[in-house]
Amino acid sequence: MSHNTNKISAVQETVLIIDDEKKICSLLARIIELEGFQVFQAYTGKEGLKILKAEDILVVVSDVKLPDYSGVDLIKEIKRIRPSAEVINLTAFGTISDGVMAMRNGAFDYITKGDDNDKIIPLVYKAMEKAKLNARVSELENRLIKRYSFDSILGKSKAIKEAMALAQKVAGTTTTVLLLGETGTGKEVFSQAIHYESPRKLKPFVAVNCSSFSPELLESELFGYKAGAFTGAVKDKRGLLEAANEGTIFLDEIGEMNLNLQAKLLRVLESQTYIKVGDTQTSQVNVRIIAATNRDLKTDAEAGKFRLDLFYRLSVFSIELPPLSHRREDILPIAMHYLAEFTAKVNKPEFTIDKEFSRLLTAHNWKGNIRELKNVMERVVILADDKVISPNLLPFEFHTEARGVDPLNMQDMEKQHIIKVLKYTRGNKTETSRLLGIGLTTLYRKIEEYKIDS
């Protein structure tokens, strides 16, 4: 084994040669080393697999017939140990059947031993590029899985831990899940964690808010449609169910779906089939459904506002997500997490918070839960000029919840808040209303009321 350092690469380009004919092994090693690759040699399959476990090998050049392994079994073991690695097979005779068999077994390509030395280098380069791409894709997939895993769920309270424990138990199954809880409790975050810790984690995750569409539009979005199904349908459209095939679809605000569409969703749950809008043929799909609502679906079902049979199919495994009011010990840690996140985003120095600010945060009712807390901390960072985060940066309702607040001071405080946020957004009213947590019409009314020059 030798290593040529003349070639500089961000990734160490490693090649393993496995061949029981030592002369061929040495010759190939020398040819490949001259290109600057780091080369390892092995004379048996067992020895090659040992090197694979110890070294980050990207390309394997291997004889298909070894004393202790067949080509098929060896490729399976190589891929098990190093899924990103590419394998080039060495065949004794360059027949079409040999090549077909090598490719079928999972090889990147094949060459004939002894006769194709001029072809080996271009082939190794191609295999190396493919292996590095495989490794990069795998790295990105692992980052995605880590980002949306249960570790991303904030909080250490007993209530949130109990909800996470249930979600982790059901994640590895194909069971339909119903997430219940107030607005902003993190239902989509939980659905992502369930998906990314399931066997479907490398397949699509598709989220759709059922309250964001009219009944007709929601049906065409979910199921897709055929050309000519309605005016404007000039070509076939793939629905979100098809886009989520083999993966997971998250149906948020499921309680807003109309009864007709609920019947069609029930069919998907029962038979994994559906019919596109304007189609006469049945489409098959393999998808896991996770639904969420902030409504009492059972009460709605008993009142005829939601299908009872669909409710029972959706609630096979229900998880109640606790509101912040039931886990107040999590409020400050979550606030500090978002404080650090937004501070880094706007490139400001680190902040500390004073005791009164902490007290008001913990005492607040948080009807919008984590989403509201996140928005409040984003606004606080935008408005902060001093190193210490003080109560005057909080929205005015935090102060009106406390006793003995002068309404005139509150109006002045609210006016200053609006002015600061308008300045930060460079007069963008839509973004300002989002950061302030008020409607756009309310913002315009307050601008006029406080005679703010915008």
Protein backbone atom coordinates (compact mmCIF):
# COMPACT_ATOMS: atom_id res chain seq x y z
CA MET A 1 0.00 0.00 0.00
CA SER A 2 1.26 3.47 -0.85
CA HIS A 3 -0.08 6.97 -0.95
CA ASN A 4 0.64 9.66 -3.52
CA THR A 5 0.19 13.14 -2.04
CA ASN A 6 0.67 15.06 -5.30
CA LYS A 7 -3.08 15.14 -5.89
CA ILE A 8 -5.03 17.55 -3.67
CA SER A 9 -8.69 16.83 -3.04
CA ALA A 10 -11.29 17.93 -0.51
CA VAL A 11 -12.25 14.27 -0.13
CA GLN A 12 -9.64 11.53 0.25
CA GLU A 13 -10.08 9.47 -2.91
CA THR A 14 -9.60 5.89 -1.76
CA VAL A 15 -9.59 2.71 -3.85
CA LEU A 16 -9.58 -0.87 -2.60
CA ILE A 17 -8.38 -3.65 -4.92
CA ILE A 18 -9.42 -7.22 -4.07
CA ASP A 19 -7.80 -9.99 -6.11
CA ASP A 20 -6.21 -13.28 -5.10
CA GLU A 21 -3.71 -12.97 -7.98
CA LYS A 22 -1.07 -10.86 -6.26
CA LYS A 23 0.70 -9.78 -9.46
CA ILE A 24 -2.52 -8.37 -10.95
CA CYS A 25 -3.37 -6.74 -7.62
CA SER A 26 0.03 -5.04 -7.42
CA LEU A 27 -0.06 -3.95 -11.07
CA LEU A 28 -3.49 -2.37 -10.73
CA ALA A 29 -2.45 -0.72 -7.48
CA ARG A 30 0.57 0.86 -9.16
CA ILE A 31 -1.45 2.11 -12.15
CA ILE A 32 -4.13 3.66 -9.92
CA GLU A 33 -1.62 5.11 -7.42
CA LEU A 34 0.12 7.02 -10.21
CA GLU A 35 -3.12 9.02 -10.61
CA GLY A 36 -2.87 10.19 -7.00
CA PHE A 37 -5.47 7.86 -5.45
CA GLN A 38 -4.83 6.20 -2.10
CA VAL A 39 -4.87 2.47 -2.79
CA PHE A 40 -5.46 -0.48 -0.45
CA GLN A 41 -4.88 -4.10 -1.45
CA ALA A 42 -6.52 -7.32 -0.31
CA TYR A 43 -6.16 -10.90 -1.57
CA THR A 44 -9.37 -12.36 -0.14
CA GLY A 45 -12.92 -11.15 0.30
CA LYS A 46 -12.64 -11.41 4.08
CA GLU A 47 -9.50 -9.28 4.12
CA GLY A 48 -11.14 -6.73 1.80
CA LEU A 49 -14.21 -6.41 4.02
CA LYS A 50 -11.97 -5.88 7.05
CA ILE A 51 -10.29 -2.96 5.27
CA LEU A 52 -13.73 -1.57 4.28
CA LYS A 53 -14.76 -1.48 7.95
CA ALA A 54 -11.56 0.31 8.94
CA GLU A 55 -11.15 2.75 6.05
CA ASP A 56 -13.50 5.14 4.24
CA ILE A 57 -13.29 3.40 0.85
CA LEU A 58 -15.06 5.05 -2.10
CA VAL A 59 -14.26 2.65 -4.96
CA VAL A 60 -13.69 -1.10 -4.89
CA VAL A 61 -12.06 -2.94 -7.81
CA SER A 62 -12.75 -6.62 -7.17
CA ASP A 63 -12.41 -9.98 -8.88
CA VAL A 64 -15.79 -11.67 -9.19
CA LYS A 65 -14.35 -15.03 -8.20
CA LEU A 66 -12.40 -15.13 -4.97
CA PRO A 67 -11.36 -18.16 -2.88
CA ASP A 68 -13.81 -17.26 -0.11
CA TYR A 69 -16.52 -15.13 -1.80
CA SER A 70 -18.62 -15.04 -4.95
CA GLY A 71 -19.07 -11.77 -6.79
CA VAL A 72 -22.75 -11.47 -5.83
CA ASP A 73 -22.23 -12.06 -2.11
CA LEU A 74 -19.21 -9.77 -1.97
CA ILE A 75 -21.04 -6.83 -3.57
CA LYS A 76 -23.90 -7.26 -1.08
CA GLU A 77 -21.43 -7.15 1.82
CA ILE A 78 -19.57 -4.16 0.36
CA LYS A 79 -22.83 -2.21 -0.01
CA ARG A 80 -23.91 -3.19 3.50
CA ILE A 81 -20.69 -1.84 5.00
CA ARG A 82 -20.22 1.14 2.63
CA PRO A 83 -23.55 1.97 0.92
CA SER A 84 -21.99 4.90 -0.96
CA ALA A 85 -19.09 2.88 -2.42
CA GLU A 86 -19.04 1.90 -6.11
CA VAL A 87 -17.75 -1.50 -7.24
CA ILE A 88 -15.89 -2.26 -10.48
CA ASN A 89 -15.82 -5.98 -11.23
CA LEU A 90 -12.82 -7.79 -12.72
CA THR A 91 -13.91 -10.63 -15.01
CA ALA A 92 -11.76 -13.41 -16.43
CA PHE A 93 -13.44 -13.26 -19.81
CA GLY A 94 -15.04 -10.15 -21.23
CA THR A 95 -18.29 -11.67 -22.40
CA ILE A 96 -21.63 -9.90 -22.63
CA SER A 97 -23.11 -12.31 -20.10
CA ASP A 98 -20.32 -11.48 -17.62
CA GLY A 99 -21.02 -7.78 -18.02
CA VAL A 100 -24.76 -8.17 -17.65
CA MET A 101 -24.31 -10.31 -14.53
CA ALA A 102 -21.86 -7.81 -13.00
CA MET A 103 -24.25 -4.90 -13.52
CA ARG A 104 -27.21 -6.91 -12.26
CA ASN A 105 -25.28 -7.72 -9.10
CA GLY A 106 -24.90 -4.01 -8.38
CA ALA A 107 -21.52 -3.27 -9.90
CA PHE A 108 -20.76 0.18 -11.34
CA ASP A 109 -19.11 -1.45 -14.36
CA TYR A 110 -16.73 -4.28 -15.27
CA ILE A 111 -13.40 -4.80 -17.05
CA THR A 112 -11.57 -7.84 -18.38
CA LYS A 113 -8.53 -8.85 -16.33
CA GLY A 114 -5.18 -8.19 -17.98
CA ASP A 115 -6.53 -6.77 -21.27
CA ASP A 116 -8.27 -3.56 -20.21
CA ASN A 117 -5.57 -1.74 -18.24
CA ASP A 118 -6.01 1.33 -20.48
CA LYS A 119 -9.69 1.46 -19.52
CA ILE A 120 -9.27 1.13 -15.76
CA ILE A 121 -8.28 4.76 -15.01
CA PRO A 122 -11.21 6.48 -16.79
CA LEU A 123 -13.51 3.93 -15.17
CA VAL A 124 -12.08 4.57 -11.68
CA TYR A 125 -12.53 8.33 -12.17
CA LYS A 126 -16.17 7.87 -13.18
CA ALA A 127 -16.83 5.50 -10.29
CA MET A 128 -15.08 7.92 -7.90
CA GLU A 129 -17.30 10.83 -8.95
CA LYS A 130 -20.41 8.69 -8.54
CA ALA A 131 -19.24 7.46 -5.10
CA LYS A 132 -18.53 11.02 -3.92
CA LEU A 133 -21.96 12.09 -5.12
CA ASN A 134 -23.47 9.11 -3.26
CA ALA A 135 -21.61 10.14 -0.10
CA ARG A 136 -22.76 13.75 -0.44
CA VAL A 137 -26.39 12.73 -0.92
CA SER A 138 -26.12 10.40 2.09
CA GLU A 139 -24.66 13.23 4.17
CA LEU A 140 -27.49 15.58 3.21
CA GLU A 141 -30.06 12.89 3.96
CA ASN A 142 -28.52 12.33 7.40
CA ARG A 143 -28.57 16.09 8.08
CA LEU A 144 -32.22 16.24 7.07
CA ILE A 145 -33.10 13.29 9.30
CA LYS A 146 -31.20 14.84 12.23
CA ARG A 147 -32.82 18.26 11.66
CA TYR A 148 -36.33 16.83 11.83
CA SER A 149 -35.75 14.08 14.38
CA PHE A 150 -37.29 14.01 17.85
CA ASP A 151 -34.13 15.79 19.07
CA SER A 152 -35.44 18.91 17.30
CA ILE A 153 -38.51 19.07 19.58
CA LEU A 154 -37.93 21.69 22.26
CA GLY A 155 -38.72 21.13 25.92
CA LYS A 156 -37.91 18.80 28.81
CA SER A 157 -41.19 18.85 30.75
CA LYS A 158 -42.99 15.66 31.69
CA ALA A 159 -45.93 16.54 29.42
CA ILE A 160 -43.84 16.94 26.27
CA LYS A 161 -41.72 13.87 27.09
CA GLU A 162 -44.86 11.74 27.38
CA ALA A 163 -46.08 12.96 23.98
CA MET A 164 -42.65 12.28 22.45
CA ALA A 165 -42.54 8.78 23.93
CA LEU A 166 -45.84 7.92 22.25
CA ALA A 167 -44.69 9.41 18.94
CA GLN A 168 -41.42 7.46 19.04
CA LYS A 169 -43.30 4.21 19.64
CA VAL A 170 -45.56 4.69 16.63
CA ALA A 171 -42.87 6.14 14.32
CA GLY A 172 -41.51 2.76 13.24
CA THR A 173 -44.92 1.47 12.17
CA THR A 174 -47.23 2.28 9.25
CA THR A 175 -50.10 3.19 11.58
CA THR A 176 -52.18 6.30 10.88
CA VAL A 177 -51.61 8.98 13.53
CA LEU A 178 -53.91 11.79 14.72
CA LEU A 179 -52.17 14.72 16.43
CA LEU A 180 -54.40 16.78 18.71
CA GLY A 181 -53.69 20.11 20.35
CA GLU A 182 -54.09 23.86 20.34
CA THR A 183 -52.82 26.05 17.52
CA GLY A 184 -49.03 26.42 17.58
CA THR A 185 -48.24 23.39 19.77
CA GLY A 186 -45.93 21.89 17.14
CA LYS A 187 -48.11 19.35 15.34
CA GLU A 188 -46.19 19.63 12.06
CA VAL A 189 -42.87 19.33 13.91
CA PHE A 190 -44.14 16.10 15.50
CA SER A 191 -45.37 14.78 12.16
CA GLN A 192 -41.95 15.41 10.60
CA ALA A 193 -40.20 13.66 13.49
CA ILE A 194 -42.49 10.63 13.13
CA HIS A 195 -41.75 10.47 9.39
CA TYR A 196 -37.98 10.97 9.66
CA GLU A 197 -37.66 8.26 12.30
CA SER A 198 -39.74 5.79 10.29
CA PRO A 199 -38.74 3.28 7.57
CA ARG A 200 -40.11 5.87 5.10
CA LYS A 201 -37.58 8.53 6.13
CA LEU A 202 -35.84 8.64 2.73
CA LYS A 203 -39.18 8.92 0.90
CA PRO A 204 -41.25 12.11 0.44
CA PHE A 205 -42.85 14.03 3.29
CA VAL A 206 -45.70 16.22 2.01
CA ALA A 207 -47.59 18.66 4.24
CA VAL A 208 -50.91 20.29 3.34
CA ASN A 209 -53.11 22.61 5.39
CA CYS A 210 -56.71 21.63 4.66
CA SER A 211 -58.01 25.05 5.75
CA SER A 212 -55.94 26.85 3.10
CA PHE A 213 -58.01 25.62 0.14
CA SER A 214 -61.62 25.67 -0.98
CA PRO A 215 -63.23 22.19 -0.99
CA GLU A 216 -62.93 21.90 -4.80
CA LEU A 217 -59.33 23.09 -4.90
CA LEU A 218 -58.34 20.83 -2.00
CA GLU A 219 -59.71 17.79 -3.86
CA SER A 220 -57.73 18.56 -7.01
CA GLU A 221 -54.61 19.33 -4.94
CA LEU A 222 -54.84 16.05 -3.03
CA PHE A 223 -55.92 13.70 -5.80
CA GLY A 224 -54.77 15.48 -8.94
CA TYR A 225 -56.87 15.71 -12.09
CA LYS A 226 -57.08 14.65 -15.70
CA ALA A 227 -56.86 17.08 -18.60
CA GLY A 228 -60.32 18.44 -19.39
CA ALA A 229 -61.72 17.70 -15.91
CA PHE A 230 -62.74 21.36 -15.62
CA THR A 231 -62.14 24.70 -17.29
CA GLY A 232 -58.44 25.46 -17.22
CA ALA A 233 -57.34 21.82 -16.77
CA VAL A 234 -55.31 21.73 -19.97
CA LYS A 235 -53.09 18.82 -18.91
CA ASP A 236 -52.94 16.06 -16.32
CA LYS A 237 -51.82 17.15 -12.86
CA ARG A 238 -50.23 14.95 -10.23
CA GLY A 239 -51.85 15.26 -6.80
CA LEU A 240 -50.14 15.53 -3.43
CA LEU A 241 -51.05 11.93 -2.58
CA GLU A 242 -49.12 10.75 -5.63
CA ALA A 243 -46.25 13.09 -4.75
CA ALA A 244 -46.11 11.48 -1.28
CA ASN A 245 -46.18 7.90 -2.65
CA GLU A 246 -44.12 5.52 -0.47
CA GLY A 247 -43.72 8.35 2.02
CA THR A 248 -45.95 10.33 4.38
CA ILE A 249 -48.63 12.95 3.84
CA PHE A 250 -49.46 15.30 6.71
CA LEU A 251 -53.02 16.66 6.67
CA ASP A 252 -53.13 19.66 8.99
CA GLU A 253 -56.48 21.09 10.13
CA ILE A 254 -58.24 17.89 8.98
CA GLY A 255 -61.42 19.08 10.73
CA GLU A 256 -61.86 21.74 8.01
CA MET A 257 -62.24 19.13 5.26
CA ASN A 258 -65.80 18.84 3.91
CA LEU A 259 -67.86 15.64 4.25
CA ASN A 260 -67.69 14.73 0.56
CA LEU A 261 -63.90 14.87 0.53
CA GLN A 262 -63.76 13.01 3.85
CA ALA A 263 -65.49 10.03 2.16
CA LYS A 264 -62.79 9.99 -0.53
CA LEU A 265 -60.03 10.20 2.09
CA LEU A 266 -61.62 7.28 3.93
CA ARG A 267 -61.22 5.20 0.77
CA VAL A 268 -57.50 6.02 0.70
CA LEU A 269 -57.15 4.88 4.31
CA GLU A 270 -59.07 1.66 3.74
CA SER A 271 -57.75 0.55 0.34
CA GLN A 272 -54.87 2.90 -0.58
CA THR A 273 -56.76 3.79 -3.76
CA TYR A 274 -58.35 6.99 -5.10
CA ILE A 275 -59.75 8.48 -8.29
CA LYS A 276 -58.34 11.66 -9.80
CA VAL A 277 -60.75 14.48 -10.59
CA GLY A 278 -62.19 13.83 -14.05
CA ASP A 279 -60.80 10.27 -14.22
CA THR A 280 -62.64 6.95 -14.48
CA GLN A 281 -59.69 4.77 -13.51
CA THR A 282 -58.60 3.96 -9.96
CA SER A 283 -55.10 5.01 -8.90
CA GLN A 284 -53.05 3.08 -6.36
CA VAL A 285 -50.92 4.75 -3.71
CA ASN A 286 -48.73 3.63 -0.83
CA VAL A 287 -48.79 6.44 1.68
CA ARG A 288 -48.89 6.91 5.43
CA ILE A 289 -51.34 9.51 6.68
CA ILE A 290 -50.69 11.72 9.70
CA ALA A 291 -53.54 14.12 10.45
CA ALA A 292 -53.80 17.00 12.90
CA THR A 293 -56.51 19.22 14.33
CA ASN A 294 -57.18 21.71 17.11
CA ARG A 295 -60.87 20.75 17.11
CA ASP A 296 -62.78 18.09 19.05
CA LEU A 297 -63.40 15.74 16.13
CA LYS A 298 -65.46 13.27 18.16
CA THR A 299 -67.89 16.00 19.19
CA ASP A 300 -67.97 17.24 15.59
CA ALA A 301 -68.65 13.67 14.38
CA GLU A 302 -71.49 13.19 16.86
CA ALA A 303 -72.97 16.48 15.65
CA GLY A 304 -72.74 15.34 12.00
CA LYS A 305 -69.98 17.83 11.12
CA PHE A 306 -67.33 15.13 10.65
CA ARG A 307 -67.61 11.52 9.47
CA LEU A 308 -67.60 9.20 12.48
CA ASP A 309 -66.08 6.32 10.45
CA LEU A 310 -63.24 8.58 9.31
CA PHE A 311 -62.68 9.77 12.86
CA TYR A 312 -62.22 6.19 14.05
CA ARG A 313 -59.85 5.40 11.15
CA LEU A 314 -57.78 8.51 11.84
CA SER A 315 -57.68 8.08 15.60
CA VAL A 316 -56.17 4.58 15.60
CA PHE A 317 -53.25 6.23 17.40
CA SER A 318 -53.92 9.68 18.87
CA ILE A 319 -51.34 11.91 20.52
CA GLU A 320 -52.32 14.99 22.53
CA LEU A 321 -49.71 17.75 22.32
CA PRO A 322 -49.63 19.84 25.50
CA PRO A 323 -50.03 23.63 25.29
CA LEU A 324 -47.37 25.87 26.83
CA SER A 325 -49.77 26.64 29.69
CA HIS A 326 -49.39 22.99 30.75
CA ARG A 327 -45.60 23.03 30.58
CA ARG A 328 -44.53 26.44 31.82
CA GLU A 329 -41.10 25.12 32.79
CA ASP A 330 -40.35 24.84 29.05
CA ILE A 331 -41.16 28.49 28.24
CA LEU A 332 -37.82 30.06 29.20
CA PRO A 333 -35.59 27.35 27.65
CA ILE A 334 -37.56 27.58 24.37
CA ALA A 335 -37.38 31.38 24.48
CA MET A 336 -33.60 31.24 24.99
CA HIS A 337 -33.30 28.83 22.05
CA TYR A 338 -35.08 31.25 19.72
CA LEU A 339 -33.22 34.22 21.19
CA ALA A 340 -29.91 32.58 20.19
CA GLU A 341 -31.27 31.55 16.78
CA PHE A 342 -32.53 35.00 15.79
CA THR A 343 -29.50 36.78 17.29
CA ALA A 344 -27.24 34.74 15.01
CA LYS A 345 -29.54 35.33 12.03
CA VAL A 346 -29.39 39.14 12.29
CA ASN A 347 -25.72 39.08 13.35
CA LYS A 348 -26.18 40.87 16.69
CA PRO A 349 -24.07 40.33 19.83
CA GLU A 350 -25.36 37.90 22.47
CA PHE A 351 -28.13 39.11 24.76
CA THR A 352 -29.07 38.45 28.36
CA ILE A 353 -32.60 38.80 29.74
CA ASP A 354 -33.63 40.49 32.99
CA LYS A 355 -35.81 38.90 35.69
CA GLU A 356 -38.96 40.90 34.91
CA PHE A 357 -38.76 39.91 31.23
CA SER A 358 -38.51 36.24 32.31
CA ARG A 359 -41.41 36.65 34.73
CA LEU A 360 -43.69 38.17 32.09
CA LEU A 361 -42.80 35.44 29.60
CA THR A 362 -43.64 32.70 32.07
CA ALA A 363 -46.87 34.39 33.24
CA HIS A 364 -48.24 34.98 29.74
CA ASN A 365 -51.14 32.74 28.65
CA TRP A 366 -49.55 31.87 25.25
CA LYS A 367 -52.73 31.16 23.32
CA GLY A 368 -50.58 30.81 20.19
CA ASN A 369 -48.19 28.47 22.04
CA ILE A 370 -44.72 27.82 20.55
CA ARG A 371 -45.51 29.65 17.30
CA GLU A 372 -46.43 32.77 19.28
CA LEU A 373 -43.34 32.46 21.49
CA LYS A 374 -41.11 32.13 18.42
CA ASN A 375 -42.64 35.25 16.84
CA VAL A 376 -42.28 37.23 20.07
CA MET A 377 -38.58 36.35 20.37
CA GLU A 378 -37.95 37.26 16.73
CA ARG A 379 -39.48 40.68 17.31
CA VAL A 380 -37.56 41.16 20.55
CA VAL A 381 -34.24 40.58 18.78
CA ILE A 382 -35.19 43.00 16.00
CA LEU A 383 -36.11 45.74 18.48
CA ALA A 384 -33.28 45.23 20.98
CA ASP A 385 -30.65 47.96 21.11
CA ASP A 386 -29.13 47.16 24.52
CA LYS A 387 -27.30 44.01 25.61
CA VAL A 388 -29.95 43.26 28.24
CA ILE A 389 -33.41 42.25 27.03
CA SER A 390 -35.94 44.21 29.10
CA PRO A 391 -39.76 44.03 29.41
CA ASN A 392 -40.33 47.16 27.32
CA LEU A 393 -39.51 45.07 24.22
CA LEU A 394 -42.48 42.76 24.77
CA PRO A 395 -45.79 43.33 22.96
CA PHE A 396 -48.16 45.62 24.82
CA GLU A 397 -50.59 42.81 25.79
CA PHE A 398 -47.91 41.31 28.07
CA HIS A 399 -48.06 44.47 30.14
CA THR A 400 -51.85 44.82 30.12
CA GLU A 401 -52.01 41.35 31.64
CA ALA A 402 -50.16 42.80 34.63
CA ARG A 403 -51.89 45.13 37.09
CA GLY A 404 -51.54 48.86 37.43
CA VAL A 405 -50.39 49.68 33.90
CA ASP A 406 -51.00 53.19 32.68
CA PRO A 407 -53.00 52.95 29.41
CA LEU A 408 -51.32 56.12 28.08
CA ASN A 409 -47.88 54.61 28.61
CA MET A 410 -49.07 51.46 26.86
CA GLN A 411 -50.24 53.42 23.83
CA ASP A 412 -46.91 55.20 23.60
CA MET A 413 -45.09 51.86 23.98
CA GLU A 414 -47.19 50.29 21.25
CA LYS A 415 -46.55 53.24 18.94
CA GLN A 416 -42.78 52.96 19.44
CA HIS A 417 -42.94 49.22 18.74
CA ILE A 418 -44.74 49.80 15.46
CA ILE A 419 -42.28 52.53 14.42
CA LYS A 420 -39.29 50.28 15.16
CA VAL A 421 -40.68 47.30 13.26
CA LEU A 422 -41.66 49.49 10.29
CA LYS A 423 -38.12 50.81 10.22
CA TYR A 424 -36.71 47.27 10.36
CA THR A 425 -38.93 46.08 7.47
CA ARG A 426 -38.25 49.27 5.50
CA GLY A 427 -41.93 50.10 5.45
CA ASN A 428 -43.14 46.65 4.37
CA LYS A 429 -46.63 46.59 5.94
CA THR A 430 -47.27 42.88 5.35
CA GLU A 431 -44.01 41.84 7.03
CA THR A 432 -44.57 44.39 9.81
CA SER A 433 -48.03 43.00 10.59
CA ARG A 434 -46.59 39.47 10.68
CA LEU A 435 -43.86 40.43 13.13
CA LEU A 436 -46.29 42.38 15.28
CA GLY A 437 -48.77 39.50 15.27
CA ILE A 438 -51.68 41.66 14.12
CA GLY A 439 -53.80 41.82 10.96
CA LEU A 440 -52.83 44.10 8.09
CA THR A 441 -56.00 46.18 8.45
CA THR A 442 -55.31 46.57 12.19
CA LEU A 443 -51.81 47.81 11.37
CA TYR A 444 -53.15 50.45 8.95
CA ARG A 445 -55.70 51.55 11.56
CA LYS A 446 -53.00 51.96 14.23
CA ILE A 447 -50.69 53.82 11.82
CA GLU A 448 -53.51 56.29 11.22
CA GLU A 449 -54.50 56.40 14.91
CA TYR A 450 -50.95 57.14 16.10
CA LYS A 451 -50.22 59.42 13.11
CA ILE A 452 -47.15 57.38 12.21
CA ASP A 453 -45.28 58.58 9.14
CA SER A 454 -44.87 55.33 7.13
